[in-house]
Protein backbone atom coordinates (compact mmCIF):
# COMPACT_ATOMS: atom_id res chain seq x y z
CA UNK A 1 82.10 28.90 138.54
CA UNK A 2 82.40 25.01 138.32
CA UNK A 3 80.19 24.87 135.32
CA UNK A 4 82.41 27.39 133.79
CA UNK A 5 85.41 25.66 134.28
CA UNK A 6 83.94 22.22 133.16
CA UNK A 7 82.87 24.34 129.86
CA UNK A 8 86.11 25.70 129.32
CA UNK A 9 87.75 21.97 129.69
CA UNK A 10 85.63 20.90 126.78
CA UNK A 11 86.65 23.81 124.83
CA UNK A 12 90.35 23.39 125.33
CA UNK A 13 90.93 26.25 127.45
CA UNK A 14 92.94 25.86 130.73
CA UNK A 15 91.61 26.75 134.24
CA UNK A 16 94.09 29.54 134.75
CA UNK A 17 93.62 31.32 131.52
CA UNK A 18 89.86 31.67 132.28
CA UNK A 19 90.31 32.51 135.84
CA UNK A 20 92.99 35.46 134.73
CA UNK A 21 90.61 36.52 131.86
CA UNK A 22 87.51 36.57 134.41
CA UNK A 23 89.70 38.57 136.56
CA UNK A 24 90.58 41.13 133.77
CA UNK A 25 87.15 41.66 133.00
CA UNK A 26 85.79 41.86 136.36
CA UNK A 27 88.48 44.58 136.98
CA UNK A 28 87.68 46.45 133.81
CA UNK A 29 84.09 46.62 134.62
CA UNK A 30 85.03 47.73 138.26
CA UNK A 31 87.36 50.44 136.98
CA UNK A 32 84.51 51.84 134.69
CA UNK A 33 82.15 51.94 137.64
CA UNK A 34 84.76 53.68 139.64
CA UNK A 35 85.59 56.32 137.12
CA UNK A 36 81.76 56.89 136.95
CA UNK A 37 79.72 58.68 139.63
CA UNK A 38 76.19 59.18 139.61
CA UNK A 39 74.36 61.69 141.90
CA UNK A 40 70.54 61.94 142.17
CA UNK A 41 69.65 64.13 145.34
CA UNK A 42 66.70 66.34 143.92
CA UNK A 43 65.81 69.45 145.59
CA UNK A 44 62.32 70.93 145.56
CA UNK A 45 61.57 72.64 142.12
CA UNK A 46 61.82 76.51 142.00
CA UNK A 47 59.10 78.06 140.48
CA UNK A 48 59.06 81.27 138.87
CA UNK A 49 58.36 83.04 135.58
CA UNK A 50 60.40 82.03 132.51
CA UNK A 51 62.39 85.41 132.67
CA UNK A 52 65.11 84.67 130.15
CA UNK A 53 63.16 83.68 127.57
CA UNK A 54 61.07 86.74 128.14
CA UNK A 55 64.25 88.95 128.42
CA UNK A 56 65.22 87.66 125.12
CA UNK A 57 62.19 88.69 123.69
CA UNK A 58 62.57 92.11 124.91
CA UNK A 59 66.08 92.31 123.68
CA UNK A 60 65.58 91.05 120.30
CA UNK A 61 61.77 92.04 119.72
CA UNK A 62 62.04 91.37 115.78
CA UNK A 63 63.70 88.49 115.66
CA UNK A 64 62.88 85.80 113.39
CA UNK A 65 64.75 83.93 111.28
CA UNK A 66 64.70 82.65 107.51
CA UNK A 67 65.75 79.65 106.65
CA UNK A 68 67.49 78.62 103.10
CA UNK A 69 67.54 74.62 102.78
CA UNK A 70 69.92 73.20 100.11
CA UNK A 71 69.59 69.75 99.63
CA UNK A 72 72.97 67.46 99.41
CA UNK A 73 74.07 64.49 98.07
CA UNK A 74 72.95 61.21 100.30
CA UNK A 75 75.70 60.34 102.96
CA UNK A 76 75.68 56.85 104.41
CA UNK A 77 72.18 56.46 103.46
CA UNK A 78 70.90 59.62 104.77
CA UNK A 79 69.18 62.33 103.30
CA UNK A 80 71.04 65.71 104.14
CA UNK A 81 70.45 69.37 103.68
CA UNK A 82 72.22 72.30 104.40
CA UNK A 83 70.28 75.18 106.20
CA UNK A 84 71.57 78.69 106.31
CA UNK A 85 69.56 80.07 109.07
CA UNK A 86 69.48 84.03 108.83
CA UNK A 87 68.47 86.21 111.82
CA UNK A 88 66.56 89.76 111.75
CA UNK A 89 69.60 90.84 113.82
CA UNK A 90 72.25 90.79 111.07
CA UNK A 91 75.20 90.17 113.41
CA UNK A 92 77.45 87.57 111.37
CA UNK A 93 78.36 86.15 114.79
CA UNK A 94 74.85 85.16 115.31
CA UNK A 95 74.33 83.70 112.37
CA UNK A 96 73.85 79.70 111.95
CA UNK A 97 74.63 76.57 109.46
CA UNK A 98 73.52 73.45 110.29
CA UNK A 99 73.05 69.95 108.36
CA UNK A 100 69.82 68.10 108.41
CA UNK A 101 70.39 64.54 108.55
CA UNK A 102 67.10 62.10 107.73
CA UNK A 103 67.44 58.38 107.50
CA UNK A 104 63.90 57.54 106.89
CA UNK A 105 61.91 58.78 103.82
CA UNK A 106 59.58 60.69 105.80
CA UNK A 107 60.14 63.28 108.63
CA UNK A 108 60.12 61.46 111.89
CA UNK A 109 58.40 62.67 114.98
CA UNK A 110 61.44 63.55 116.87
CA UNK A 111 64.79 65.58 116.28
CA UNK A 112 68.01 66.24 117.85
CA UNK A 113 69.41 69.74 117.96
CA UNK A 114 73.31 69.50 118.49
CA UNK A 115 74.79 72.79 119.37
CA UNK A 116 77.85 73.61 117.95
CA UNK A 117 81.16 71.30 119.18
CA UNK A 118 84.76 72.01 118.82
CA UNK A 119 87.20 68.94 118.39
CA UNK A 120 89.19 67.33 115.79
CA UNK A 121 87.42 64.95 113.29
CA UNK A 122 84.05 66.47 113.35
CA UNK A 123 82.48 64.76 116.49
CA UNK A 124 79.28 66.22 115.45
CA UNK A 125 78.93 64.37 112.56
CA UNK A 126 79.36 61.03 113.91
CA UNK A 127 77.20 61.88 117.00
CA UNK A 128 74.64 62.91 114.32
CA UNK A 129 74.99 59.79 112.29
CA UNK A 130 75.04 57.72 115.42
CA UNK A 131 71.47 59.13 116.80
CA UNK A 132 70.21 59.11 113.20
CA UNK A 133 70.76 55.35 113.25
CA UNK A 134 70.63 53.71 116.47
CA UNK A 135 68.49 56.04 118.26
CA UNK A 136 65.68 56.77 115.49
CA UNK A 137 66.35 60.47 115.50
CA UNK A 138 66.37 63.12 112.83
CA UNK A 139 69.30 65.26 113.70
CA UNK A 140 69.91 69.16 113.17
CA UNK A 141 73.70 69.30 113.40
CA UNK A 142 74.45 73.00 113.96
CA UNK A 143 77.85 73.58 112.43
CA UNK A 144 80.85 75.76 113.44
CA UNK A 145 83.19 75.86 116.41
CA UNK A 146 81.32 76.87 119.40
CA UNK A 147 83.82 79.69 120.22
CA UNK A 148 83.42 81.21 116.84
CA UNK A 149 83.45 85.10 117.55
CA UNK A 150 83.91 84.39 121.39
CA UNK A 151 86.78 85.85 123.54
CA UNK A 152 88.43 87.45 121.20
CA UNK A 153 91.44 89.11 122.86
CA UNK A 154 92.24 91.45 119.91
CA UNK A 155 89.22 93.05 120.69
CA UNK A 156 91.09 94.77 123.50
CA UNK A 157 93.92 96.37 121.50
CA UNK A 158 91.37 99.37 120.55
CA UNK A 159 90.22 99.80 124.48
CA UNK A 160 91.68 103.03 125.21
CA UNK A 161 89.16 103.95 128.06
CA UNK A 162 87.32 102.10 130.46
CA UNK A 163 83.89 102.19 128.60
CA UNK A 164 85.38 100.67 125.85
CA UNK A 165 86.86 97.70 127.91
CA UNK A 166 83.24 97.27 129.42
CA UNK A 167 81.82 97.31 125.96
CA UNK A 168 84.32 94.66 124.79
CA UNK A 169 82.89 92.46 127.63
CA UNK A 170 79.29 93.35 127.27
CA UNK A 171 79.81 92.48 123.33
CA UNK A 172 80.23 88.98 124.56
CA UNK A 173 77.45 88.69 126.58
CA UNK A 174 75.10 90.10 123.84
CA UNK A 175 76.80 87.77 121.52
CA UNK A 176 75.48 84.74 123.72
CA UNK A 177 72.27 85.82 124.27
CA UNK A 178 72.15 86.40 120.46
CA UNK A 179 73.05 82.77 119.70
CA UNK A 180 70.75 81.44 121.99
CA UNK A 181 67.73 83.37 120.64
CA UNK A 182 68.72 82.08 117.11
CA UNK A 183 68.73 78.60 118.51
CA UNK A 184 65.02 79.03 120.08
CA UNK A 185 64.01 80.28 116.99
CA UNK A 186 65.41 77.52 115.11
CA UNK A 187 64.00 74.98 117.52
CA UNK A 188 60.34 76.83 116.98
CA UNK A 189 60.70 76.61 112.95
CA UNK A 190 61.62 72.71 113.51
CA UNK A 191 58.15 72.18 115.48
CA UNK A 192 55.96 74.77 113.32
CA UNK A 193 57.48 74.20 109.76
CA UNK A 194 58.82 70.91 109.75
CA UNK A 195 56.21 69.19 112.02
CA UNK A 196 58.53 67.74 114.83
CA UNK A 197 56.45 66.89 117.99
CA UNK A 198 59.52 66.45 120.45
CA UNK A 199 62.58 68.38 120.29
CA UNK A 200 65.99 67.37 121.92
CA UNK A 201 69.17 69.35 122.55
CA UNK A 202 72.82 67.96 123.18
CA UNK A 203 75.26 70.69 124.29
CA UNK A 204 78.89 70.01 124.95
CA UNK A 205 81.45 72.50 126.52
CA UNK A 206 80.41 76.05 125.73
CA UNK A 207 77.45 73.96 123.76
CA UNK A 208 76.26 72.86 127.52
CA UNK A 209 76.47 76.35 128.68
CA UNK A 210 74.30 77.71 125.92
CA UNK A 211 72.08 74.57 126.01
CA UNK A 212 71.23 74.94 130.01
CA UNK A 213 69.40 78.33 128.46
CA UNK A 214 67.95 76.66 125.59
CA UNK A 215 66.29 74.17 127.97
CA UNK A 216 64.43 76.44 129.56
CA UNK A 217 62.33 76.68 126.50
CA UNK A 218 58.91 74.98 126.54
CA UNK A 219 59.35 73.43 123.02
CA UNK A 220 62.22 71.51 124.49
CA UNK A 221 61.63 68.12 125.57
CA UNK A 222 64.75 67.28 127.09
CA UNK A 223 68.41 68.30 127.24
CA UNK A 224 71.58 66.76 127.83
CA UNK A 225 74.68 69.08 129.07
CA UNK A 226 78.07 67.85 128.64
CA UNK A 227 80.76 69.96 130.53
CA UNK A 228 78.76 72.85 131.04
CA UNK A 229 78.88 75.25 133.76
CA UNK A 230 77.83 78.40 135.65
CA UNK A 231 79.05 81.47 136.97
CA UNK A 232 80.63 82.69 133.45
CA UNK A 233 82.83 85.47 135.25
CA UNK A 234 84.72 82.77 137.53
CA UNK A 235 85.22 80.09 134.47
CA UNK A 236 86.87 83.27 132.28
CA UNK A 237 89.28 83.78 135.42
CA UNK A 238 90.06 80.25 136.05
CA UNK A 239 90.04 78.23 132.89
CA UNK A 240 93.40 76.78 131.46
CA UNK A 241 91.86 76.63 128.21
CA UNK A 242 94.33 78.29 125.88
CA UNK A 243 92.23 80.82 124.17
CA UNK A 244 90.46 81.70 127.46
CA UNK A 245 93.87 82.71 129.13
CA UNK A 246 94.72 84.57 126.13
CA UNK A 247 91.44 86.56 126.63
CA UNK A 248 91.95 86.89 130.29
CA UNK A 249 95.23 88.12 129.85
CA UNK A 250 94.25 91.08 127.80
CA UNK A 251 91.45 91.94 129.83
CA UNK A 252 93.54 92.32 133.00
CA UNK A 253 96.39 94.29 130.92
CA UNK A 254 93.67 96.60 129.34
CA UNK A 255 92.08 97.21 132.87
CA UNK A 256 95.68 98.18 134.18
CA UNK A 257 96.06 100.49 131.25
CA UNK A 258 93.03 102.50 131.42
CA UNK A 259 92.90 102.47 135.32
CA UNK A 260 96.65 103.38 135.53
CA UNK A 261 97.09 101.27 138.65
CA UNK A 262 97.79 97.74 139.36
CA UNK A 263 94.66 95.58 139.82
CA UNK A 264 93.40 94.55 143.52
CA UNK A 265 92.81 90.86 144.54
CA UNK A 266 89.68 89.73 142.50
CA UNK A 267 89.01 93.34 140.92
CA UNK A 268 89.11 91.48 137.60
CA UNK A 269 86.55 89.08 138.50
CA UNK A 270 84.28 91.74 139.98
CA UNK A 271 84.42 93.61 136.75
CA UNK A 272 83.55 90.57 134.90
CA UNK A 273 80.59 89.91 137.27
CA UNK A 274 79.24 93.53 136.72
CA UNK A 275 79.33 93.36 132.89
CA UNK A 276 79.26 89.75 131.93
CA UNK A 277 76.24 88.39 133.29
CA UNK A 278 73.14 88.53 131.56
CA UNK A 279 73.99 85.40 129.83
CA UNK A 280 74.92 83.81 132.92
CA UNK A 281 73.09 80.43 133.40
CA UNK A 282 73.31 80.77 137.25
CA UNK A 283 70.66 83.36 137.02
CA UNK A 284 67.73 81.58 135.10
CA UNK A 285 68.35 77.87 135.39
CA UNK A 286 66.48 77.71 138.98
CA UNK A 287 63.40 77.79 136.52
CA UNK A 288 64.09 74.55 134.81
CA UNK A 289 62.22 71.30 135.43
CA UNK A 290 65.20 68.79 136.70
CA UNK A 291 63.58 65.99 135.33
CA UNK A 292 64.36 67.11 131.82
CA UNK A 293 68.07 67.37 132.31
CA UNK A 294 71.19 64.93 132.26
CA UNK A 295 74.34 66.67 133.11
CA UNK A 296 77.56 64.58 132.65
CA UNK A 297 80.85 66.10 134.10
CA UNK A 298 84.55 65.54 133.88
CA UNK A 299 85.87 65.66 137.75
CA UNK A 300 89.23 66.96 136.61
CA UNK A 301 88.12 69.75 134.13
CA UNK A 302 89.99 72.72 133.64
CA UNK A 303 88.72 74.28 130.82
CA UNK A 304 85.17 74.56 132.37
CA UNK A 305 86.17 73.77 136.06
CA UNK A 306 84.15 70.95 137.89
CA UNK A 307 82.94 73.28 140.72
CA UNK A 308 81.51 75.48 137.87
CA UNK A 309 79.51 72.39 136.73
CA UNK A 310 78.49 71.96 140.26
CA UNK A 311 77.07 75.33 140.66
CA UNK A 312 75.11 74.76 137.55
CA UNK A 313 73.87 71.64 139.00
CA UNK A 314 73.07 73.02 142.10
CA UNK A 315 71.11 76.08 140.59
CA UNK A 316 69.34 73.79 138.24
CA UNK A 317 67.48 72.28 140.80
CA UNK A 318 70.12 69.01 140.94
CA UNK A 319 69.17 67.10 137.81
CA UNK A 320 70.63 63.83 137.29
CA UNK A 321 74.18 63.87 136.82
CA UNK A 322 76.97 61.42 135.89
CA UNK A 323 80.56 62.39 136.53
CA UNK A 324 83.68 60.71 135.14
CA UNK A 325 87.24 60.94 136.48
CA UNK A 326 88.72 62.54 133.39
CA UNK A 327 89.76 66.28 132.07
CA UNK A 328 87.98 68.14 129.79
CA UNK A 329 89.55 66.73 126.59
CA UNK A 330 89.90 63.32 128.26
CA UNK A 331 86.15 62.78 128.16
CA UNK A 332 86.12 61.62 124.55
CA UNK A 333 87.64 58.46 125.32
CA UNK A 334 84.34 57.82 127.05
CA UNK A 335 82.47 58.40 124.26
CA UNK A 336 80.39 54.91 123.89
CA UNK A 337 79.54 55.24 127.56
CA UNK A 338 78.41 58.71 126.99
CA UNK A 339 76.23 58.02 123.80
CA UNK A 340 74.64 55.07 125.89
CA UNK A 341 73.37 57.62 128.76
CA UNK A 342 72.29 60.02 126.55
CA UNK A 343 70.04 57.57 124.46
CA UNK A 344 68.59 55.81 127.63
CA UNK A 345 67.95 59.34 128.87
CA UNK A 346 66.51 60.58 125.80
CA UNK A 347 64.31 57.22 125.53
CA UNK A 348 62.83 57.57 129.18
CA UNK A 349 62.03 61.76 128.69
C-alpha cells in the first residue's frame, strides 16, 4: 500500500483519490462475486440406456436431413454460408435455417452449435462472432425465434372437445421432439460431412431446455445451458412470460369449456403432466455425464423459474452450476462474464 501511495505521488495522484478509486474497484469486484454463486456438489452418475435418443429414433425412424448450402458475402472477415436444413418429416415448424461462420480458410477441428435465441439485436450473431474470433470455433448459428410455432394460444380456439385440447398440448410435445431430432441430425451432418472432430452446444432459455436433451447425444463433446429448466408442465403453469401466460389462460378456458365446470386445484397442471411429458428433460437427463455440462441460471428468473432450473440441475447429476442474482432478461447485463465462463468451460472440456 505504501509503494502504491509513493507511486501515486510521483504521478501526481492524491492519496485520497487513490484510496477512493481503490475502494470503488474493490467494491465492484466484491459486488460481482456477491452476485455470482457456484455450486459443485456432484452426485454419483446414474447409468442407464440413452432412452431419449432411442425414443427419437423410434418416433422418427426415417428422419434424415438434406442441407442446401448457399455462400454469402463475407462479414467482418468471416466466410458465411446460409444453410437450409430440411427434415424427412416435412412439418414446417421443424425446419431449420442456420448461418455457418468460418474465420479461417479451412474447416477447424471444433464447431459450436448455437441453438435458437430470442432477443433484440440478434444476440446469436454477436455470440457467433465472439466464439469465432476469440475462442477459435467455427460456428453454426441456428436462426429463428426459439418459440416459433411453440405455445400458440390460438390453437385452442377450435378445441371443442377434450380430445382436441389434448391434441393441442401433445402437438407441442411432438414439435419439441422433432426439433431436437433435427438438431441431432444436423450435428451428425457436421461430423460426417464437414469433418468436425468436436461439437459443442450452447442453448439459452428454451434453447437450454432443448439443449439439455441434445447434450445426451454421444456426438456432443460439451454443452452450456443458460437459464434452462425441467418439469415443463410446471414451467408453463408458473411462468410470468407474456406468451406463456396467454397460452396457459387459453388452456384453462378450453378445459372449463369442454368439461362444463370450474377446474379443481392443480387440475390443469396434472392435465399438462399427463399430455406434455415426452419431451420433458427431467425424464432423461439422469443419463447425462455431468462433466460435459455447465449450467448458468438467474436466481430471480420468472420466465423459467429458478426452482425449475434446480430441478434440472439435480436430475442431471448436479453438473457445475453458476448462478447470477438477476432476472431472466436481466442476465444480458452479465454477458461478458457469461462468455468468459463459457469459453473457459469449453476450453477445459
